[in-house]
Amino acid sequence: MEEISRQVTLKAQEKGIEQLFLEDPLLFSEHLLLGRQKQFLEANALEGGFVFFDRGIPDVVAYLDYLKTSYPNTFKTICSQHIYDKIFILKPWKAIYKQDNERYETFEQALILHDFLVKTYTDYGYTIIDTPFGTVEERLDFILNHLNKSE
């Protein structure tokens, strides 16, 4: 499933809002939460095979916690009601990290956000599978091998 935060950011920019996440984190996060919930439900309707998400629903809560922004309890409820089978996490990697139009965090901020993501997923009861650095092929092999062992 495609990462929808880029879509939300681009739509806001078309309306003249340069960084919706920075200007109104709660509104941005509401759009993300609903979009990711929709993706989750679409994925559940598919039959056979694996479905991969670039980001999960709990990411929304982790980012808001990072910003120390309050949010409605419905955010936590939605996180608790939509459970992923596996969580693979890829730590920020300085050698390949790039900021762009939609990724405005510095590498140092990305490391802090990573810690918030780990804490949030752990708080929701997930066992996080740390994906090692390597080529795209090596990472893909790691993930697929782990999934094949779990079947």
N, C-alpha and C. Protein backbone atom coordinates (compact mmCIF):
# COMPACT_ATOMS: atom_id res chain seq x y z
N MET A 1 0.84 -1.18 0.00
CA MET A 1 0.00 0.00 0.00
C MET A 1 0.89 1.24 0.00
N GLU A 2 0.50 2.18 -0.79
CA GLU A 2 1.27 3.41 -0.92
C GLU A 2 1.20 4.25 0.35
N GLU A 3 2.25 5.01 0.61
CA GLU A 3 2.27 5.92 1.76
C GLU A 3 1.43 7.14 1.40
N ILE A 4 0.37 7.37 2.17
CA ILE A 4 -0.54 8.45 1.82
C ILE A 4 -0.17 9.81 2.39
N SER A 5 0.80 9.88 3.28
CA SER A 5 1.16 11.19 3.83
C SER A 5 1.66 12.13 2.75
N ARG A 6 2.33 11.56 1.76
CA ARG A 6 2.79 12.40 0.64
C ARG A 6 1.60 12.97 -0.13
N GLN A 7 0.56 12.17 -0.31
CA GLN A 7 -0.65 12.65 -1.00
C GLN A 7 -1.32 13.76 -0.20
N VAL A 8 -1.43 13.57 1.11
CA VAL A 8 -2.05 14.58 1.97
C VAL A 8 -1.24 15.88 1.91
N THR A 9 0.07 15.76 1.96
CA THR A 9 0.95 16.94 1.91
C THR A 9 0.80 17.67 0.58
N LEU A 10 0.81 16.92 -0.52
CA LEU A 10 0.70 17.54 -1.84
C LEU A 10 -0.65 18.22 -2.04
N LYS A 11 -1.72 17.59 -1.56
CA LYS A 11 -3.05 18.22 -1.67
C LYS A 11 -3.10 19.52 -0.89
N ALA A 12 -2.51 19.53 0.30
CA ALA A 12 -2.49 20.76 1.11
C ALA A 12 -1.66 21.83 0.41
N GLN A 13 -0.55 21.45 -0.20
CA GLN A 13 0.29 22.42 -0.90
C GLN A 13 -0.45 23.03 -2.09
N GLU A 14 -1.28 22.23 -2.75
CA GLU A 14 -2.10 22.76 -3.85
C GLU A 14 -3.06 23.83 -3.35
N LYS A 15 -3.41 23.77 -2.05
CA LYS A 15 -4.30 24.76 -1.44
C LYS A 15 -3.52 25.89 -0.78
N GLY A 16 -2.20 25.89 -0.97
CA GLY A 16 -1.37 26.97 -0.43
C GLY A 16 -0.84 26.73 0.97
N ILE A 17 -1.02 25.52 1.49
CA ILE A 17 -0.50 25.19 2.83
C ILE A 17 0.79 24.41 2.62
N GLU A 18 1.91 25.04 2.91
CA GLU A 18 3.21 24.45 2.59
C GLU A 18 3.45 23.14 3.34
N GLN A 19 3.29 23.14 4.65
CA GLN A 19 3.50 21.94 5.47
C GLN A 19 2.34 21.79 6.44
N LEU A 20 1.29 21.12 6.01
CA LEU A 20 0.09 20.94 6.84
C LEU A 20 0.44 20.28 8.16
N PHE A 21 1.36 19.31 8.14
CA PHE A 21 1.73 18.63 9.38
C PHE A 21 2.28 19.61 10.41
N LEU A 22 3.07 20.59 9.96
CA LEU A 22 3.65 21.56 10.88
C LEU A 22 2.64 22.64 11.27
N GLU A 23 1.77 23.01 10.33
CA GLU A 23 0.81 24.09 10.59
C GLU A 23 -0.41 23.62 11.38
N ASP A 24 -0.87 22.43 11.11
CA ASP A 24 -2.03 21.87 11.82
C ASP A 24 -1.86 20.36 11.94
N PRO A 25 -1.01 19.93 12.88
CA PRO A 25 -0.70 18.50 12.99
C PRO A 25 -1.92 17.62 13.20
N LEU A 26 -2.90 18.12 13.94
CA LEU A 26 -4.08 17.29 14.20
C LEU A 26 -4.91 17.09 12.93
N LEU A 27 -5.12 18.14 12.15
CA LEU A 27 -5.87 18.01 10.90
C LEU A 27 -5.13 17.07 9.94
N PHE A 28 -3.85 17.27 9.80
CA PHE A 28 -3.03 16.39 8.96
C PHE A 28 -3.18 14.94 9.41
N SER A 29 -3.09 14.72 10.71
CA SER A 29 -3.14 13.38 11.27
C SER A 29 -4.52 12.75 11.11
N GLU A 30 -5.57 13.55 11.18
CA GLU A 30 -6.91 13.02 10.94
C GLU A 30 -7.03 12.48 9.51
N HIS A 31 -6.50 13.24 8.55
CA HIS A 31 -6.50 12.78 7.15
C HIS A 31 -5.72 11.47 7.02
N LEU A 32 -4.56 11.41 7.65
CA LEU A 32 -3.74 10.20 7.60
C LEU A 32 -4.45 9.02 8.24
N LEU A 33 -4.99 9.24 9.41
CA LEU A 33 -5.65 8.17 10.15
C LEU A 33 -6.77 7.55 9.32
N LEU A 34 -7.61 8.39 8.75
CA LEU A 34 -8.73 7.89 7.94
C LEU A 34 -8.23 7.20 6.68
N GLY A 35 -7.20 7.76 6.05
CA GLY A 35 -6.65 7.14 4.85
C GLY A 35 -6.00 5.81 5.13
N ARG A 36 -5.27 5.72 6.22
CA ARG A 36 -4.62 4.46 6.57
C ARG A 36 -5.64 3.42 7.03
N GLN A 37 -6.68 3.87 7.70
CA GLN A 37 -7.75 2.94 8.09
C GLN A 37 -8.42 2.38 6.83
N LYS A 38 -8.67 3.23 5.85
CA LYS A 38 -9.27 2.78 4.59
C LYS A 38 -8.35 1.76 3.90
N GLN A 39 -7.05 2.05 3.87
CA GLN A 39 -6.10 1.11 3.27
C GLN A 39 -6.13 -0.23 3.99
N PHE A 40 -6.17 -0.19 5.32
CA PHE A 40 -6.19 -1.42 6.11
C PHE A 40 -7.41 -2.26 5.73
N LEU A 41 -8.57 -1.62 5.65
CA LEU A 41 -9.80 -2.34 5.32
C LEU A 41 -9.75 -2.87 3.89
N GLU A 42 -9.20 -2.11 2.96
CA GLU A 42 -9.04 -2.58 1.58
C GLU A 42 -8.12 -3.81 1.54
N ALA A 43 -7.04 -3.76 2.30
CA ALA A 43 -6.10 -4.89 2.33
C ALA A 43 -6.76 -6.13 2.92
N ASN A 44 -7.58 -5.95 3.94
CA ASN A 44 -8.27 -7.09 4.56
C ASN A 44 -9.23 -7.77 3.59
N ALA A 45 -9.73 -7.02 2.63
CA ALA A 45 -10.67 -7.58 1.66
C ALA A 45 -9.97 -8.37 0.56
N LEU A 46 -8.65 -8.22 0.45
CA LEU A 46 -7.90 -8.94 -0.58
C LEU A 46 -7.72 -10.39 -0.17
N GLU A 47 -7.63 -11.25 -1.16
CA GLU A 47 -7.45 -12.67 -0.86
C GLU A 47 -6.07 -13.14 -1.31
N GLY A 48 -5.40 -13.86 -0.44
CA GLY A 48 -4.11 -14.46 -0.77
C GLY A 48 -2.97 -13.46 -0.82
N GLY A 49 -1.79 -13.97 -0.57
CA GLY A 49 -0.57 -13.16 -0.66
C GLY A 49 -0.39 -12.20 0.50
N PHE A 50 0.73 -11.53 0.45
CA PHE A 50 1.06 -10.57 1.49
C PHE A 50 0.70 -9.17 1.02
N VAL A 51 0.35 -8.31 1.96
CA VAL A 51 0.13 -6.90 1.68
C VAL A 51 1.10 -6.14 2.58
N PHE A 52 1.85 -5.24 1.98
CA PHE A 52 2.83 -4.45 2.72
C PHE A 52 2.37 -3.00 2.78
N PHE A 53 2.52 -2.41 3.95
CA PHE A 53 2.21 -1.00 4.17
C PHE A 53 3.52 -0.28 4.41
N ASP A 54 3.67 0.89 3.80
CA ASP A 54 4.85 1.70 4.06
C ASP A 54 4.81 2.22 5.50
N ARG A 55 3.64 2.64 5.92
CA ARG A 55 3.42 3.13 7.28
C ARG A 55 2.13 2.55 7.79
N GLY A 56 2.03 2.39 9.12
CA GLY A 56 0.83 1.85 9.72
C GLY A 56 0.04 2.90 10.47
N ILE A 57 -1.13 2.51 10.90
CA ILE A 57 -2.02 3.41 11.62
C ILE A 57 -1.36 3.96 12.90
N PRO A 58 -0.68 3.13 13.71
CA PRO A 58 -0.07 3.66 14.94
C PRO A 58 1.01 4.73 14.70
N ASP A 59 1.53 4.81 13.48
CA ASP A 59 2.50 5.87 13.18
C ASP A 59 1.91 7.25 13.47
N VAL A 60 0.61 7.40 13.21
CA VAL A 60 -0.06 8.68 13.42
C VAL A 60 0.07 9.11 14.88
N VAL A 61 -0.21 8.19 15.78
CA VAL A 61 -0.11 8.46 17.22
C VAL A 61 1.33 8.75 17.61
N ALA A 62 2.27 7.99 17.07
CA ALA A 62 3.69 8.18 17.41
C ALA A 62 4.15 9.59 17.03
N TYR A 63 3.77 10.04 15.85
CA TYR A 63 4.18 11.38 15.41
C TYR A 63 3.54 12.46 16.28
N LEU A 64 2.28 12.29 16.64
CA LEU A 64 1.63 13.28 17.50
C LEU A 64 2.25 13.29 18.89
N ASP A 65 2.60 12.11 19.40
CA ASP A 65 3.29 12.04 20.69
C ASP A 65 4.64 12.73 20.61
N TYR A 66 5.34 12.54 19.51
CA TYR A 66 6.63 13.22 19.29
C TYR A 66 6.46 14.73 19.38
N LEU A 67 5.37 15.24 18.80
CA LEU A 67 5.12 16.69 18.81
C LEU A 67 4.48 17.18 20.10
N LYS A 68 4.15 16.22 20.99
CA LYS A 68 3.44 16.55 22.23
C LYS A 68 2.10 17.23 21.92
N THR A 69 1.43 16.72 20.88
CA THR A 69 0.12 17.23 20.45
C THR A 69 -0.96 16.28 20.95
N SER A 70 -1.96 16.84 21.61
CA SER A 70 -3.05 15.98 22.09
C SER A 70 -3.96 15.61 20.93
N TYR A 71 -4.66 14.50 21.10
CA TYR A 71 -5.54 13.99 20.06
C TYR A 71 -6.68 13.23 20.73
N PRO A 72 -7.79 13.07 20.00
CA PRO A 72 -8.95 12.37 20.59
C PRO A 72 -8.65 10.91 20.86
N ASN A 73 -9.36 10.33 21.81
CA ASN A 73 -9.21 8.91 22.13
C ASN A 73 -9.54 8.01 20.95
N THR A 74 -10.33 8.53 20.00
CA THR A 74 -10.68 7.72 18.83
C THR A 74 -9.42 7.31 18.06
N PHE A 75 -8.37 8.11 18.11
CA PHE A 75 -7.12 7.75 17.44
C PHE A 75 -6.60 6.43 18.02
N LYS A 76 -6.57 6.35 19.35
CA LYS A 76 -6.07 5.14 20.02
C LYS A 76 -7.01 3.96 19.76
N THR A 77 -8.30 4.24 19.74
CA THR A 77 -9.28 3.18 19.48
C THR A 77 -9.06 2.58 18.09
N ILE A 78 -8.88 3.44 17.10
CA ILE A 78 -8.66 2.96 15.74
C ILE A 78 -7.37 2.13 15.67
N CYS A 79 -6.34 2.57 16.36
CA CYS A 79 -5.08 1.80 16.40
C CYS A 79 -5.31 0.43 17.01
N SER A 80 -6.12 0.36 18.05
CA SER A 80 -6.36 -0.91 18.74
C SER A 80 -7.27 -1.85 17.95
N GLN A 81 -8.11 -1.29 17.09
CA GLN A 81 -9.06 -2.10 16.35
C GLN A 81 -8.51 -2.66 15.04
N HIS A 82 -7.42 -2.13 14.57
CA HIS A 82 -6.84 -2.55 13.29
C HIS A 82 -5.44 -3.09 13.56
N ILE A 83 -5.33 -4.41 13.60
CA ILE A 83 -4.09 -5.06 14.03
C ILE A 83 -3.37 -5.66 12.82
N TYR A 84 -2.12 -5.31 12.70
CA TYR A 84 -1.27 -5.85 11.63
C TYR A 84 -0.68 -7.18 12.08
N ASP A 85 -0.42 -8.06 11.11
CA ASP A 85 0.15 -9.38 11.44
C ASP A 85 1.61 -9.28 11.87
N LYS A 86 2.37 -8.44 11.20
CA LYS A 86 3.81 -8.29 11.49
C LYS A 86 4.19 -6.83 11.35
N ILE A 87 5.17 -6.43 12.14
CA ILE A 87 5.71 -5.08 12.04
C ILE A 87 7.21 -5.19 11.81
N PHE A 88 7.61 -4.81 10.61
CA PHE A 88 9.03 -4.71 10.27
C PHE A 88 9.39 -3.23 10.36
N ILE A 89 10.48 -2.94 11.02
CA ILE A 89 10.89 -1.54 11.12
C ILE A 89 12.28 -1.39 10.52
N LEU A 90 12.46 -0.30 9.84
CA LEU A 90 13.74 0.01 9.22
C LEU A 90 14.25 1.31 9.83
N LYS A 91 15.30 1.19 10.62
CA LYS A 91 15.86 2.34 11.30
C LYS A 91 16.41 3.33 10.27
N PRO A 92 16.29 4.63 10.54
CA PRO A 92 16.89 5.61 9.61
C PRO A 92 18.36 5.31 9.40
N TRP A 93 18.79 5.44 8.18
CA TRP A 93 20.15 5.08 7.77
C TRP A 93 20.79 6.30 7.15
N LYS A 94 21.78 6.84 7.83
CA LYS A 94 22.38 8.12 7.42
C LYS A 94 22.91 8.07 5.99
N ALA A 95 23.47 6.97 5.56
CA ALA A 95 24.08 6.87 4.23
C ALA A 95 23.06 7.06 3.10
N ILE A 96 21.80 6.75 3.37
CA ILE A 96 20.80 6.86 2.29
C ILE A 96 19.69 7.87 2.61
N TYR A 97 19.74 8.49 3.78
CA TYR A 97 18.67 9.39 4.20
C TYR A 97 18.67 10.66 3.36
N LYS A 98 17.48 11.04 2.89
CA LYS A 98 17.34 12.27 2.10
C LYS A 98 16.09 13.01 2.53
N GLN A 99 16.25 14.30 2.71
CA GLN A 99 15.09 15.15 2.94
C GLN A 99 14.55 15.54 1.57
N ASP A 100 13.23 15.72 1.49
CA ASP A 100 12.63 16.17 0.24
C ASP A 100 11.40 17.02 0.55
N ASN A 101 10.60 17.25 -0.45
CA ASN A 101 9.43 18.11 -0.31
C ASN A 101 8.45 17.62 0.75
N GLU A 102 8.34 16.33 0.93
CA GLU A 102 7.41 15.78 1.91
C GLU A 102 8.11 15.23 3.16
N ARG A 103 9.39 14.97 3.08
CA ARG A 103 10.15 14.51 4.25
C ARG A 103 11.07 15.64 4.68
N TYR A 104 10.59 16.41 5.61
CA TYR A 104 11.30 17.61 6.03
C TYR A 104 12.12 17.39 7.30
N GLU A 105 11.99 16.22 7.94
CA GLU A 105 12.74 15.98 9.17
C GLU A 105 14.22 15.81 8.87
N THR A 106 15.04 16.31 9.76
CA THR A 106 16.47 16.06 9.67
C THR A 106 16.72 14.60 10.04
N PHE A 107 17.91 14.13 9.75
CA PHE A 107 18.26 12.76 10.12
C PHE A 107 18.16 12.58 11.63
N GLU A 108 18.61 13.57 12.39
CA GLU A 108 18.57 13.49 13.85
C GLU A 108 17.13 13.40 14.35
N GLN A 109 16.22 14.18 13.73
CA GLN A 109 14.81 14.10 14.10
C GLN A 109 14.24 12.73 13.73
N ALA A 110 14.67 12.20 12.60
CA ALA A 110 14.19 10.88 12.17
C ALA A 110 14.58 9.81 13.19
N LEU A 111 15.76 9.92 13.78
CA LEU A 111 16.18 8.96 14.80
C LEU A 111 15.29 9.05 16.04
N ILE A 112 14.94 10.27 16.43
CA ILE A 112 14.06 10.45 17.59
C ILE A 112 12.67 9.90 17.27
N LEU A 113 12.17 10.20 16.07
CA LEU A 113 10.87 9.68 15.65
C LEU A 113 10.87 8.15 15.63
N HIS A 114 11.98 7.58 15.22
CA HIS A 114 12.12 6.12 15.21
C HIS A 114 11.86 5.56 16.62
N ASP A 115 12.44 6.20 17.62
CA ASP A 115 12.23 5.75 19.01
C ASP A 115 10.76 5.86 19.41
N PHE A 116 10.09 6.92 18.97
CA PHE A 116 8.67 7.07 19.25
C PHE A 116 7.86 5.97 18.55
N LEU A 117 8.24 5.64 17.33
CA LEU A 117 7.55 4.58 16.60
C LEU A 117 7.70 3.23 17.31
N VAL A 118 8.92 2.93 17.72
CA VAL A 118 9.18 1.67 18.43
C VAL A 118 8.34 1.62 19.71
N LYS A 119 8.34 2.70 20.48
CA LYS A 119 7.57 2.73 21.72
C LYS A 119 6.08 2.56 21.45
N THR A 120 5.56 3.25 20.46
CA THR A 120 4.13 3.18 20.17
C THR A 120 3.71 1.78 19.76
N TYR A 121 4.43 1.18 18.83
CA TYR A 121 4.07 -0.18 18.40
C TYR A 121 4.21 -1.17 19.55
N THR A 122 5.22 -1.00 20.36
CA THR A 122 5.39 -1.87 21.53
C THR A 122 4.23 -1.69 22.50
N ASP A 123 3.82 -0.44 22.72
CA ASP A 123 2.68 -0.16 23.61
C ASP A 123 1.40 -0.82 23.11
N TYR A 124 1.26 -0.98 21.80
CA TYR A 124 0.08 -1.64 21.24
C TYR A 124 0.25 -3.16 21.18
N GLY A 125 1.32 -3.67 21.76
CA GLY A 125 1.49 -5.12 21.89
C GLY A 125 2.20 -5.80 20.74
N TYR A 126 2.76 -5.05 19.82
CA TYR A 126 3.46 -5.65 18.69
C TYR A 126 4.87 -6.08 19.07
N THR A 127 5.32 -7.15 18.46
CA THR A 127 6.72 -7.53 18.49
C THR A 127 7.34 -6.96 17.22
N ILE A 128 8.28 -6.08 17.38
CA ILE A 128 8.86 -5.39 16.23
C ILE A 128 10.03 -6.20 15.69
N ILE A 129 10.06 -6.35 14.38
CA ILE A 129 11.14 -7.06 13.71
C ILE A 129 12.06 -6.02 13.08
N ASP A 130 13.25 -5.90 13.64
CA ASP A 130 14.21 -4.90 13.18
C ASP A 130 14.87 -5.40 11.90
N THR A 131 14.68 -4.67 10.82
CA THR A 131 15.23 -5.04 9.53
C THR A 131 16.62 -4.45 9.39
N PRO A 132 17.63 -5.27 9.17
CA PRO A 132 19.01 -4.76 9.12
C PRO A 132 19.27 -3.91 7.87
N PHE A 133 20.28 -3.05 7.98
CA PHE A 133 20.73 -2.27 6.83
C PHE A 133 21.20 -3.23 5.74
N GLY A 134 21.11 -2.80 4.52
CA GLY A 134 21.57 -3.61 3.39
C GLY A 134 20.94 -3.09 2.11
N THR A 135 21.23 -3.77 1.04
CA THR A 135 20.64 -3.40 -0.24
C THR A 135 19.13 -3.65 -0.19
N VAL A 136 18.42 -3.12 -1.14
CA VAL A 136 16.98 -3.36 -1.22
C VAL A 136 16.72 -4.86 -1.29
N GLU A 137 17.52 -5.55 -2.10
CA GLU A 137 17.35 -7.00 -2.27
C GLU A 137 17.60 -7.74 -0.96
N GLU A 138 18.64 -7.34 -0.22
CA GLU A 138 18.95 -7.98 1.06
C GLU A 138 17.84 -7.76 2.07
N ARG A 139 17.31 -6.56 2.10
CA ARG A 139 16.21 -6.27 3.03
C ARG A 139 14.96 -7.05 2.65
N LEU A 140 14.68 -7.09 1.36
CA LEU A 140 13.53 -7.84 0.88
C LEU A 140 13.67 -9.32 1.23
N ASP A 141 14.86 -9.87 1.00
CA ASP A 141 15.11 -11.28 1.35
C ASP A 141 14.90 -11.51 2.84
N PHE A 142 15.40 -10.60 3.67
CA PHE A 142 15.23 -10.73 5.12
C PHE A 142 13.75 -10.80 5.48
N ILE A 143 12.96 -9.87 4.92
CA ILE A 143 11.53 -9.81 5.23
C ILE A 143 10.81 -11.06 4.73
N LEU A 144 11.06 -11.42 3.48
CA LEU A 144 10.37 -12.59 2.91
C LEU A 144 10.77 -13.88 3.61
N ASN A 145 12.04 -14.01 3.95
CA ASN A 145 12.48 -15.20 4.70
C ASN A 145 11.78 -15.27 6.06
N HIS A 146 11.65 -14.13 6.70
CA HIS A 146 10.97 -14.11 8.01
C HIS A 146 9.50 -14.48 7.85
N LEU A 147 8.86 -13.98 6.80
CA LEU A 147 7.45 -14.30 6.56
C LEU A 147 7.26 -15.77 6.20
N ASN A 148 8.17 -16.31 5.40
CA ASN A 148 8.05 -17.71 5.00
C ASN A 148 8.24 -18.65 6.19
N LYS A 149 9.09 -18.25 7.15
CA LYS A 149 9.28 -19.06 8.36
C LYS A 149 8.05 -19.03 9.24
N SER A 150 7.28 -17.92 9.15
CA SER A 150 6.11 -17.73 10.03
C SER A 150 4.87 -18.43 9.53
N GLU A 151 4.86 -18.80 8.27
CA GLU A 151 3.64 -19.41 7.70
C GLU A 151 3.35 -20.76 8.27
